[in-house]
C-alpha atoms as a PDB file:
ATOM      1  CA  UNK A   1      -0.283 -25.681 -33.263  1.00  0.00           C
ATOM      2  CA  UNK A   2      -2.898 -26.646 -30.679  1.00  0.00           C
ATOM      3  CA  UNK A   3      -2.248 -24.828 -27.421  1.00  0.00           C
ATOM      4  CA  UNK A   4      -3.131 -25.634 -23.835  1.00  0.00           C
ATOM      5  CA  UNK A   5      -5.225 -22.683 -22.657  1.00  0.00           C
ATOM      6  CA  UNK A   6      -6.171 -21.975 -19.066  1.00  0.00           C
ATOM      7  CA  UNK A   7      -9.144 -19.610 -19.299  1.00  0.00           C
ATOM      8  CA  UNK A   8     -12.304 -19.232 -21.325  1.00  0.00           C
ATOM      9  CA  UNK A   9     -13.106 -17.343 -23.462  1.00  0.00           C
ATOM     10  CA  UNK A  10      -9.732 -16.906 -25.147  1.00  0.00           C
ATOM     11  CA  UNK A  11      -7.991 -13.804 -23.838  1.00  0.00           C
ATOM     12  CA  UNK A  12      -4.979 -13.795 -26.165  1.00  0.00           C
ATOM     13  CA  UNK A  13      -5.234 -13.744 -29.954  1.00  0.00           C
ATOM     14  CA  UNK A  14      -2.882 -15.756 -32.182  1.00  0.00           C
ATOM     15  CA  UNK A  15      -1.624 -13.933 -35.273  1.00  0.00           C
ATOM     16  CA  UNK A  16       0.701 -14.749 -38.134  1.00  0.00           C
ATOM     17  CA  UNK A  17       2.638 -12.614 -40.606  1.00  0.00           C
ATOM     18  CA  UNK A  18       4.820 -14.594 -42.985  1.00  0.00           C
ATOM     19  CA  UNK A  19       6.669 -17.122 -40.849  1.00  0.00           C
ATOM     20  CA  UNK A  20       6.288 -15.139 -37.622  1.00  0.00           C
ATOM     21  CA  UNK A  21       3.580 -16.189 -35.183  1.00  0.00           C
ATOM     22  CA  UNK A  22       2.802 -13.735 -32.408  1.00  0.00           C
ATOM     23  CA  UNK A  23       0.192 -12.901 -29.781  1.00  0.00           C
ATOM     24  CA  UNK A  24      -1.901  -9.782 -29.176  1.00  0.00           C
ATOM     25  CA  UNK A  25      -4.522  -8.624 -26.686  1.00  0.00           C
ATOM     26  CA  UNK A  26      -7.908  -7.555 -28.117  1.00  0.00           C
ATOM     27  CA  UNK A  27      -8.420  -5.081 -25.256  1.00  0.00           C
ATOM     28  CA  UNK A  28      -5.192  -3.243 -26.131  1.00  0.00           C
ATOM     29  CA  UNK A  29      -5.988  -3.311 -29.851  1.00  0.00           C
ATOM     30  CA  UNK A  30      -9.398  -1.812 -29.154  1.00  0.00           C
ATOM     31  CA  UNK A  31      -7.833   1.426 -27.873  1.00  0.00           C
ATOM     32  CA  UNK A  32      -6.452   2.197 -31.336  1.00  0.00           C
ATOM     33  CA  UNK A  33      -3.486   3.910 -29.669  1.00  0.00           C
ATOM     34  CA  UNK A  34      -0.711   1.331 -29.837  1.00  0.00           C
ATOM     35  CA  UNK A  35       1.133  -1.354 -31.740  1.00  0.00           C
ATOM     36  CA  UNK A  36       2.001  -4.355 -29.591  1.00  0.00           C
ATOM     37  CA  UNK A  37       2.819  -8.032 -29.571  1.00  0.00           C
ATOM     38  CA  UNK A  38       4.119 -10.864 -27.452  1.00  0.00           C
ATOM     39  CA  UNK A  39       6.440 -13.133 -29.395  1.00  0.00           C
ATOM     40  CA  UNK A  40       6.303 -16.914 -29.641  1.00  0.00           C
ATOM     41  CA  UNK A  41       9.066 -19.395 -30.509  1.00  0.00           C
ATOM     42  CA  UNK A  42       7.845 -19.531 -34.112  1.00  0.00           C
ATOM     43  CA  UNK A  43       9.163 -17.630 -37.118  1.00  0.00           C
ATOM     44  CA  UNK A  44      12.780 -16.867 -36.271  1.00  0.00           C
ATOM     45  CA  UNK A  45      16.094 -18.200 -37.574  1.00  0.00           C
ATOM     46  CA  UNK A  46      17.799 -19.380 -34.359  1.00  0.00           C
ATOM     47  CA  UNK A  47      18.615 -23.074 -33.994  1.00  0.00           C
ATOM     48  CA  UNK A  48      19.089 -25.737 -31.332  1.00  0.00           C
ATOM     49  CA  UNK A  49      17.822 -24.783 -27.860  1.00  0.00           C
ATOM     50  CA  UNK A  50      17.079 -21.259 -29.134  1.00  0.00           C
ATOM     51  CA  UNK A  51      14.736 -22.407 -31.918  1.00  0.00           C
ATOM     52  CA  UNK A  52      13.618 -20.199 -33.403  1.00  0.00           C
ATOM     53  CA  UNK A  53      12.512 -16.688 -32.390  1.00  0.00           C
ATOM     54  CA  UNK A  54      15.074 -16.080 -29.657  1.00  0.00           C
ATOM     55  CA  UNK A  55      15.403 -12.420 -28.654  1.00  0.00           C
ATOM     56  CA  UNK A  56      18.314 -12.697 -26.207  1.00  0.00           C
ATOM     57  CA  UNK A  57      21.931 -11.840 -27.020  1.00  0.00           C
ATOM     58  CA  UNK A  58      23.143 -13.205 -23.682  1.00  0.00           C
ATOM     59  CA  UNK A  59      22.152 -16.881 -23.756  1.00  0.00           C
ATOM     60  CA  UNK A  60      24.719 -18.193 -26.238  1.00  0.00           C
ATOM     61  CA  UNK A  61      22.871 -17.757 -29.517  1.00  0.00           C
ATOM     62  CA  UNK A  62      24.553 -16.352 -32.643  1.00  0.00           C
ATOM     63  CA  UNK A  63      24.378 -12.559 -32.820  1.00  0.00           C
ATOM     64  CA  UNK A  64      23.440 -12.593 -36.496  1.00  0.00           C
ATOM     65  CA  UNK A  65      20.490 -14.880 -35.740  1.00  0.00           C
ATOM     66  CA  UNK A  66      19.187 -12.612 -32.973  1.00  0.00           C
ATOM     67  CA  UNK A  67      19.683  -9.585 -35.229  1.00  0.00           C
ATOM     68  CA  UNK A  68      17.522 -11.214 -37.901  1.00  0.00           C
ATOM     69  CA  UNK A  69      14.904 -12.161 -35.336  1.00  0.00           C
ATOM     70  CA  UNK A  70      14.614  -8.519 -34.279  1.00  0.00           C
ATOM     71  CA  UNK A  71      14.370  -7.452 -37.904  1.00  0.00           C
ATOM     72  CA  UNK A  72      11.413  -9.814 -38.336  1.00  0.00           C
ATOM     73  CA  UNK A  73       9.709  -8.578 -35.170  1.00  0.00           C
ATOM     74  CA  UNK A  74      10.150  -4.968 -36.302  1.00  0.00           C
ATOM     75  CA  UNK A  75       8.604  -5.867 -39.660  1.00  0.00           C
ATOM     76  CA  UNK A  76       5.542  -7.306 -37.912  1.00  0.00           C
ATOM     77  CA  UNK A  77       5.239  -4.198 -35.726  1.00  0.00           C
ATOM     78  CA  UNK A  78       5.667  -1.856 -38.695  1.00  0.00           C
ATOM     79  CA  UNK A  79       8.640  -0.096 -37.128  1.00  0.00           C
ATOM     80  CA  UNK A  80      12.420  -0.046 -37.487  1.00  0.00           C
ATOM     81  CA  UNK A  81      14.780  -1.976 -35.224  1.00  0.00           C
ATOM     82  CA  UNK A  82      16.238   1.404 -34.295  1.00  0.00           C
ATOM     83  CA  UNK A  83      12.870   2.399 -32.775  1.00  0.00           C
ATOM     84  CA  UNK A  84      13.067  -0.332 -30.110  1.00  0.00           C
ATOM     85  CA  UNK A  85      14.317   0.310 -26.551  1.00  0.00           C
ATOM     86  CA  UNK A  86      15.175  -2.686 -24.344  1.00  0.00           C
ATOM     87  CA  UNK A  87      14.973  -3.162 -20.594  1.00  0.00           C
ATOM     88  CA  UNK A  88      17.843  -4.363 -18.389  1.00  0.00           C
ATOM     89  CA  UNK A  89      15.999  -6.811 -16.167  1.00  0.00           C
ATOM     90  CA  UNK A  90      17.293  -7.856 -12.755  1.00  0.00           C
ATOM     91  CA  UNK A  91      13.999  -8.517 -10.914  1.00  0.00           C
ATOM     92  CA  UNK A  92      13.736  -4.978  -9.547  1.00  0.00           C
ATOM     93  CA  UNK A  93      10.759  -2.615  -9.442  1.00  0.00           C
ATOM     94  CA  UNK A  94      12.755   0.168 -11.112  1.00  0.00           C
ATOM     95  CA  UNK A  95      11.021   2.032 -13.936  1.00  0.00           C
ATOM     96  CA  UNK A  96      12.849   4.142 -16.543  1.00  0.00           C
ATOM     97  CA  UNK A  97      11.445   7.052 -18.552  1.00  0.00           C
ATOM     98  CA  UNK A  98      12.334   6.553 -22.223  1.00  0.00           C
ATOM     99  CA  UNK A  99      12.744   9.136 -25.013  1.00  0.00           C
ATOM    100  CA  UNK A 100      14.182   9.194 -28.543  1.00  0.00           C
ATOM    101  CA  UNK A 101      17.801   9.220 -27.376  1.00  0.00           C
ATOM    102  CA  UNK A 102      17.251   5.702 -25.998  1.00  0.00           C
ATOM    103  CA  UNK A 103      16.137   4.197 -29.297  1.00  0.00           C
ATOM    104  CA  UNK A 104      18.118   1.161 -30.393  1.00  0.00           C
ATOM    105  CA  UNK A 105      19.619   0.539 -26.954  1.00  0.00           C
ATOM    106  CA  UNK A 106      20.005  -3.141 -26.194  1.00  0.00           C
ATOM    107  CA  UNK A 107      20.060  -4.078 -29.896  1.00  0.00           C
ATOM    108  CA  UNK A 108      22.042  -1.615 -32.014  1.00  0.00           C
ATOM    109  CA  UNK A 109      23.902   0.099 -29.181  1.00  0.00           C
ATOM    110  CA  UNK A 110      24.835  -0.794 -25.615  1.00  0.00           C
ATOM    111  CA  UNK A 111      22.485   0.150 -22.784  1.00  0.00           C
ATOM    112  CA  UNK A 112      23.821   2.909 -20.558  1.00  0.00           C
ATOM    113  CA  UNK A 113      21.505   1.897 -17.701  1.00  0.00           C
ATOM    114  CA  UNK A 114      21.144  -1.142 -15.477  1.00  0.00           C
ATOM    115  CA  UNK A 115      18.543  -2.667 -13.155  1.00  0.00           C
ATOM    116  CA  UNK A 116      15.520  -1.543 -15.165  1.00  0.00           C
ATOM    117  CA  UNK A 117      12.489  -3.852 -15.231  1.00  0.00           C
ATOM    118  CA  UNK A 118       9.956  -1.281 -16.399  1.00  0.00           C
ATOM    119  CA  UNK A 119       9.883   1.259 -19.232  1.00  0.00           C
ATOM    120  CA  UNK A 120       7.478   4.168 -19.802  1.00  0.00           C
ATOM    121  CA  UNK A 121       7.135   6.780 -22.540  1.00  0.00           C
ATOM    122  CA  UNK A 122       4.716   9.245 -24.115  1.00  0.00           C
ATOM    123  CA  UNK A 123       6.684   9.586 -27.353  1.00  0.00           C
ATOM    124  CA  UNK A 124       4.965   8.145 -30.461  1.00  0.00           C
ATOM    125  CA  UNK A 125       7.120   5.839 -32.547  1.00  0.00           C
ATOM    126  CA  UNK A 126       9.212   4.458 -29.684  1.00  0.00           C
ATOM    127  CA  UNK A 127       8.684   0.726 -29.093  1.00  0.00           C
ATOM    128  CA  UNK A 128       9.349  -0.539 -25.575  1.00  0.00           C
ATOM    129  CA  UNK A 129      10.687  -4.099 -25.191  1.00  0.00           C
ATOM    130  CA  UNK A 130      10.928  -6.445 -22.188  1.00  0.00           C
ATOM    131  CA  UNK A 131      11.843 -10.150 -22.066  1.00  0.00           C
ATOM    132  CA  UNK A 132      10.483 -13.411 -20.685  1.00  0.00           C
ATOM    133  CA  UNK A 133      10.699 -17.153 -20.208  1.00  0.00           C
ATOM    134  CA  UNK A 134       8.106 -17.673 -17.400  1.00  0.00           C
ATOM    135  CA  UNK A 135       7.838 -14.252 -15.703  1.00  0.00           C
ATOM    136  CA  UNK A 136       4.861 -11.942 -16.239  1.00  0.00           C
ATOM    137  CA  UNK A 137       4.683  -9.178 -18.871  1.00  0.00           C
ATOM    138  CA  UNK A 138       2.560  -6.178 -17.871  1.00  0.00           C
ATOM    139  CA  UNK A 139       1.242  -3.800 -20.557  1.00  0.00           C
ATOM    140  CA  UNK A 140      -0.186  -0.339 -19.720  1.00  0.00           C
ATOM    141  CA  UNK A 141      -1.941   2.297 -21.845  1.00  0.00           C
ATOM    142  CA  UNK A 142      -2.997   5.657 -20.441  1.00  0.00           C
ATOM    143  CA  UNK A 143      -5.867   6.304 -22.844  1.00  0.00           C
ATOM    144  CA  UNK A 144      -6.368   9.935 -21.756  1.00  0.00           C
ATOM    145  CA  UNK A 145      -2.807  11.266 -21.696  1.00  0.00           C
ATOM    146  CA  UNK A 146      -1.523   8.907 -24.393  1.00  0.00           C
ATOM    147  CA  UNK A 147       1.338   7.332 -22.491  1.00  0.00           C
ATOM    148  CA  UNK A 148       2.409   3.699 -22.166  1.00  0.00           C
ATOM    149  CA  UNK A 149       4.309   1.391 -19.858  1.00  0.00           C
ATOM    150  CA  UNK A 150       5.732  -2.112 -20.186  1.00  0.00           C
ATOM    151  CA  UNK A 151       7.078  -4.029 -17.205  1.00  0.00           C
ATOM    152  CA  UNK A 152       8.634  -7.364 -16.274  1.00  0.00           C
ATOM    153  CA  UNK A 153       7.212  -8.936 -13.115  1.00  0.00           C
ATOM    154  CA  UNK A 154       8.554 -12.226 -11.767  1.00  0.00           C
ATOM    155  CA  UNK A 155       7.712 -13.313  -8.244  1.00  0.00           C
ATOM    156  CA  UNK A 156       9.986 -10.629  -6.780  1.00  0.00           C
ATOM    157  CA  UNK A 157       8.435  -7.954  -8.979  1.00  0.00           C
ATOM    158  CA  UNK A 158       4.940  -9.161  -8.190  1.00  0.00           C
ATOM    159  CA  UNK A 159       5.396  -9.186  -4.420  1.00  0.00           C
ATOM    160  CA  UNK A 160       7.016  -5.759  -4.857  1.00  0.00           C
ATOM    161  CA  UNK A 161       3.906  -4.592  -6.756  1.00  0.00           C
ATOM    162  CA  UNK A 162       5.630  -3.787 -10.038  1.00  0.00           C
ATOM    163  CA  UNK A 163       2.288  -3.015 -11.678  1.00  0.00           C
ATOM    164  CA  UNK A 164       1.549  -0.340  -9.089  1.00  0.00           C
ATOM    165  CA  UNK A 165       5.098   1.044  -9.344  1.00  0.00           C
ATOM    166  CA  UNK A 166       4.700   1.402 -13.112  1.00  0.00           C
ATOM    167  CA  UNK A 167       1.422   3.281 -12.779  1.00  0.00           C
ATOM    168  CA  UNK A 168       2.958   5.517 -10.104  1.00  0.00           C
ATOM    169  CA  UNK A 169       5.838   6.335 -12.463  1.00  0.00           C
ATOM    170  CA  UNK A 170       3.378   7.160 -15.244  1.00  0.00           C
ATOM    171  CA  UNK A 171       1.403   9.357 -12.854  1.00  0.00           C
ATOM    172  CA  UNK A 172       4.528  11.261 -11.868  1.00  0.00           C
ATOM    173  CA  UNK A 173       5.697  11.793 -15.451  1.00  0.00           C
ATOM    174  CA  UNK A 174       2.465  12.099 -17.424  1.00  0.00           C
ATOM    175  CA  UNK A 175      -0.341  12.747 -14.945  1.00  0.00           C
ATOM    176  CA  UNK A 176      -1.782   9.272 -15.484  1.00  0.00           C
ATOM    177  CA  UNK A 177      -4.861   8.314 -13.493  1.00  0.00           C
ATOM    178  CA  UNK A 178      -5.323   4.594 -12.857  1.00  0.00           C
ATOM    179  CA  UNK A 179      -8.972   4.719 -13.915  1.00  0.00           C
ATOM    180  CA  UNK A 180      -7.829   5.776 -17.422  1.00  0.00           C
ATOM    181  CA  UNK A 181      -5.414   2.850 -17.770  1.00  0.00           C
ATOM    182  CA  UNK A 182      -6.066  -0.184 -19.945  1.00  0.00           C
ATOM    183  CA  UNK A 183      -3.773  -3.075 -18.976  1.00  0.00           C
ATOM    184  CA  UNK A 184      -2.900  -6.614 -19.939  1.00  0.00           C
ATOM    185  CA  UNK A 185      -1.215  -9.421 -18.010  1.00  0.00           C
ATOM    186  CA  UNK A 186       0.737 -11.472 -20.544  1.00  0.00           C
ATOM    187  CA  UNK A 187       1.713 -15.126 -20.991  1.00  0.00           C
ATOM    188  CA  UNK A 188       3.793 -16.573 -18.167  1.00  0.00           C
ATOM    189  CA  UNK A 189       3.944 -19.633 -15.944  1.00  0.00           C
ATOM    190  CA  UNK A 190       0.563 -20.679 -14.508  1.00  0.00           C
ATOM    191  CA  UNK A 191      -0.265 -21.697 -10.953  1.00  0.00           C
ATOM    192  CA  UNK A 192      -0.379 -25.406 -11.807  1.00  0.00           C
ATOM    193  CA  UNK A 193       3.219 -25.283 -13.049  1.00  0.00           C
ATOM    194  CA  UNK A 194       4.692 -22.805 -10.580  1.00  0.00           C
ATOM    195  CA  UNK A 195       5.854 -24.440  -7.365  1.00  0.00           C
ATOM    196  CA  UNK A 196       7.550 -22.156  -4.832  1.00  0.00           C
ATOM    197  CA  UNK A 197       9.174 -22.613  -1.454  1.00  0.00           C
ATOM    198  CA  UNK A 198       7.762 -21.566   1.901  1.00  0.00           C
ATOM    199  CA  UNK A 199       9.852 -18.395   2.113  1.00  0.00           C
ATOM    200  CA  UNK A 200       8.375 -17.136  -1.169  1.00  0.00           C
ATOM    201  CA  UNK A 201       4.869 -18.085  -0.022  1.00  0.00           C
ATOM    202  CA  UNK A 202       5.410 -16.251   3.273  1.00  0.00           C
ATOM    203  CA  UNK A 203       6.406 -13.090   1.390  1.00  0.00           C
ATOM    204  CA  UNK A 204       3.151 -13.251  -0.585  1.00  0.00           C
ATOM    205  CA  UNK A 205       0.993 -13.992   2.459  1.00  0.00           C
ATOM    206  CA  UNK A 206       2.518 -10.929   4.134  1.00  0.00           C
ATOM    207  CA  UNK A 207       2.049  -8.618   1.150  1.00  0.00           C
ATOM    208  CA  UNK A 208      -1.381  -9.919   0.096  1.00  0.00           C
ATOM    209  CA  UNK A 209      -2.881  -9.869   3.564  1.00  0.00           C
ATOM    210  CA  UNK A 210      -6.471  -8.848   2.911  1.00  0.00           C
ATOM    211  CA  UNK A 211      -9.078 -11.504   3.723  1.00  0.00           C
ATOM    212  CA  UNK A 212      -9.063 -14.274   1.140  1.00  0.00           C
ATOM    213  CA  UNK A 213      -6.165 -12.941  -0.930  1.00  0.00           C
ATOM    214  CA  UNK A 214      -3.560 -15.428   0.247  1.00  0.00           C
ATOM    215  CA  UNK A 215      -5.828 -18.388  -0.429  1.00  0.00           C
ATOM    216  CA  UNK A 216      -6.695 -16.945  -3.849  1.00  0.00           C
ATOM    217  CA  UNK A 217      -3.084 -16.895  -5.039  1.00  0.00           C
ATOM    218  CA  UNK A 218      -1.433 -19.729  -3.080  1.00  0.00           C
ATOM    219  CA  UNK A 219      -2.227 -23.432  -2.840  1.00  0.00           C
ATOM    220  CA  UNK A 220      -0.409 -25.350  -0.115  1.00  0.00           C
ATOM    221  CA  UNK A 221       0.839 -28.712  -1.432  1.00  0.00           C
ATOM    222  CA  UNK A 222       2.480 -29.800   1.798  1.00  0.00           C
ATOM    223  CA  UNK A 223       6.159 -30.405   2.551  1.00  0.00           C
ATOM    224  CA  UNK A 224       6.641 -26.599   2.622  1.00  0.00           C
ATOM    225  CA  UNK A 225       5.765 -26.309  -1.067  1.00  0.00           C
ATOM    226  CA  UNK A 226       3.107 -24.047  -2.625  1.00  0.00           C
ATOM    227  CA  UNK A 227       1.603 -23.350  -6.046  1.00  0.00           C
ATOM    228  CA  UNK A 228       1.663 -19.612  -6.805  1.00  0.00           C
ATOM    229  CA  UNK A 229      -0.800 -17.827  -9.105  1.00  0.00           C
ATOM    230  CA  UNK A 230       1.119 -14.868 -10.560  1.00  0.00           C
ATOM    231  CA  UNK A 231      -1.749 -13.946 -12.888  1.00  0.00           C
ATOM    232  CA  UNK A 232      -4.223 -13.454 -10.056  1.00  0.00           C
ATOM    233  CA  UNK A 233      -1.628 -11.738  -7.854  1.00  0.00           C
ATOM    234  CA  UNK A 234      -0.854  -9.196 -10.578  1.00  0.00           C
ATOM    235  CA  UNK A 235      -4.537  -8.612 -11.222  1.00  0.00           C
ATOM    236  CA  UNK A 236      -4.988  -7.867  -7.508  1.00  0.00           C
ATOM    237  CA  UNK A 237      -2.057  -5.429  -7.673  1.00  0.00           C
ATOM    238  CA  UNK A 238      -3.552  -3.590 -10.657  1.00  0.00           C
ATOM    239  CA  UNK A 239      -7.043  -3.400  -9.189  1.00  0.00           C
ATOM    240  CA  UNK A 240      -5.733  -2.170  -5.840  1.00  0.00           C
ATOM    241  CA  UNK A 241      -3.729   0.457  -7.741  1.00  0.00           C
ATOM    242  CA  UNK A 242      -7.036   1.711  -9.152  1.00  0.00           C
ATOM    243  CA  UNK A 243      -7.283   0.068 -12.582  1.00  0.00           C
ATOM    244  CA  UNK A 244     -10.875  -0.886 -13.352  1.00  0.00           C
ATOM    245  CA  UNK A 245     -11.428  -4.667 -13.560  1.00  0.00           C
ATOM    246  CA  UNK A 246     -13.058  -4.289 -16.968  1.00  0.00           C
ATOM    247  CA  UNK A 247      -9.892  -2.538 -18.189  1.00  0.00           C
ATOM    248  CA  UNK A 248      -7.658  -5.535 -17.424  1.00  0.00           C
ATOM    249  CA  UNK A 249      -7.179  -8.479 -19.782  1.00  0.00           C
ATOM    250  CA  UNK A 250      -5.467 -11.545 -18.324  1.00  0.00           C
ATOM    251  CA  UNK A 251      -3.639 -14.133 -20.398  1.00  0.00           C
ATOM    252  CA  UNK A 252      -4.922 -17.650 -20.887  1.00  0.00           C
ATOM    253  CA  UNK A 253      -1.567 -19.106 -21.991  1.00  0.00           C
ATOM    254  CA  UNK A 254       1.064 -20.687 -19.763  1.00  0.00           C
ATOM    255  CA  UNK A 255       4.672 -20.709 -20.949  1.00  0.00           C
ATOM    256  CA  UNK A 256       5.456 -23.940 -19.108  1.00  0.00           C
ATOM    257  CA  UNK A 257       2.370 -25.750 -20.450  1.00  0.00           C
ATOM    258  CA  UNK A 258       3.325 -24.818 -24.030  1.00  0.00           C
ATOM    259  CA  UNK A 259       7.144 -25.196 -24.196  1.00  0.00           C
ATOM    260  CA  UNK A 260       7.218 -25.846 -27.964  1.00  0.00           C
ATOM    261  CA  UNK A 261       5.371 -22.574 -28.558  1.00  0.00           C
ATOM    262  CA  UNK A 262       6.747 -20.337 -25.782  1.00  0.00           C
ATOM    263  CA  UNK A 263      10.140 -20.365 -24.071  1.00  0.00           C
ATOM    264  CA  UNK A 264       9.940 -21.630 -20.483  1.00  0.00           C
ATOM    265  CA  UNK A 265      12.880 -21.583 -18.092  1.00  0.00           C
ATOM    266  CA  UNK A 266      11.258 -24.162 -15.860  1.00  0.00           C
ATOM    267  CA  UNK A 267      10.187 -26.550 -18.622  1.00  0.00           C
ATOM    268  CA  UNK A 268      13.593 -26.392 -20.340  1.00  0.00           C
ATOM    269  CA  UNK A 269      15.668 -26.461 -17.130  1.00  0.00           C
ATOM    270  CA  UNK A 270      17.268 -23.203 -18.245  1.00  0.00           C
ATOM    271  CA  UNK A 271      18.165 -24.298 -21.789  1.00  0.00           C
ATOM    272  CA  UNK A 272      16.217 -21.748 -23.754  1.00  0.00           C
ATOM    273  CA  UNK A 273      15.983 -18.357 -25.431  1.00  0.00           C
ATOM    274  CA  UNK A 274      13.861 -15.342 -24.533  1.00  0.00           C
ATOM    275  CA  UNK A 275      10.433 -14.198 -25.603  1.00  0.00           C
ATOM    276  CA  UNK A 276       9.723 -10.495 -26.016  1.00  0.00           C
ATOM    277  CA  UNK A 277       6.880  -8.129 -25.189  1.00  0.00           C
ATOM    278  CA  UNK A 278       6.678  -5.013 -27.376  1.00  0.00           C
ATOM    279  CA  UNK A 279       4.531  -1.907 -26.984  1.00  0.00           C
ATOM    280  CA  UNK A 280       4.629   1.409 -28.840  1.00  0.00           C
ATOM    281  CA  UNK A 281       2.426   4.475 -29.239  1.00  0.00           C
ATOM    282  CA  UNK A 282       1.195   5.108 -32.768  1.00  0.00           C
END
């Protein structure tokens, strides 16, 4: 499938195993420390508006279809479904420390936590999972202390500096230093597709107040409407948190520009499934 890409050179690599097509980041692969992927719509068994790799149990799809989709994702990752731990996303900046007792939560067993948009761990074998249909996935690897983080960052998370909050949580738990972090900003809605209202724009102008930042992430269309660049905003957050620019890889794929390949809430008017980001220490 030919995709509409936003940046050059290509920042995200397309991969295929059997029927499953998925995306990876070369910069994360280069560390040799993790398994990871960002799912696409291709290679699952769901039908209708959830076609085909839907990873949400809460959007009306058949449970047995979602179960099989997770089994296929686990096969690609080389792990078991029981190794995966899911977030409970509500557009917060809350980050949860994950260990073996959390494995399988959100898939095989119920989650006993709520309002968690970020997950961190230093336990090999655990695979963190967060979910998307236009919001921004953030991947983190502490290459020195061998710890990882995976966070969901919509506009609320971005203006709340979810990337910084995740690094702070990793610092508290594992002694992470930002200069040792390798990070990736995953597929989400691009600035061209993402129109926001004036109140959202005002929140970003207030938070991103250094000279030139507001103009770098917001384009005023008129009529109190703006185009918001979540990719650039999250890159600013990570760099200001101390991550080296050369340690950050930014996506070149927009969910809304590629609705047959990636689920997009905006493109589908809410009739869709969920994509998944997965990250685990080897």
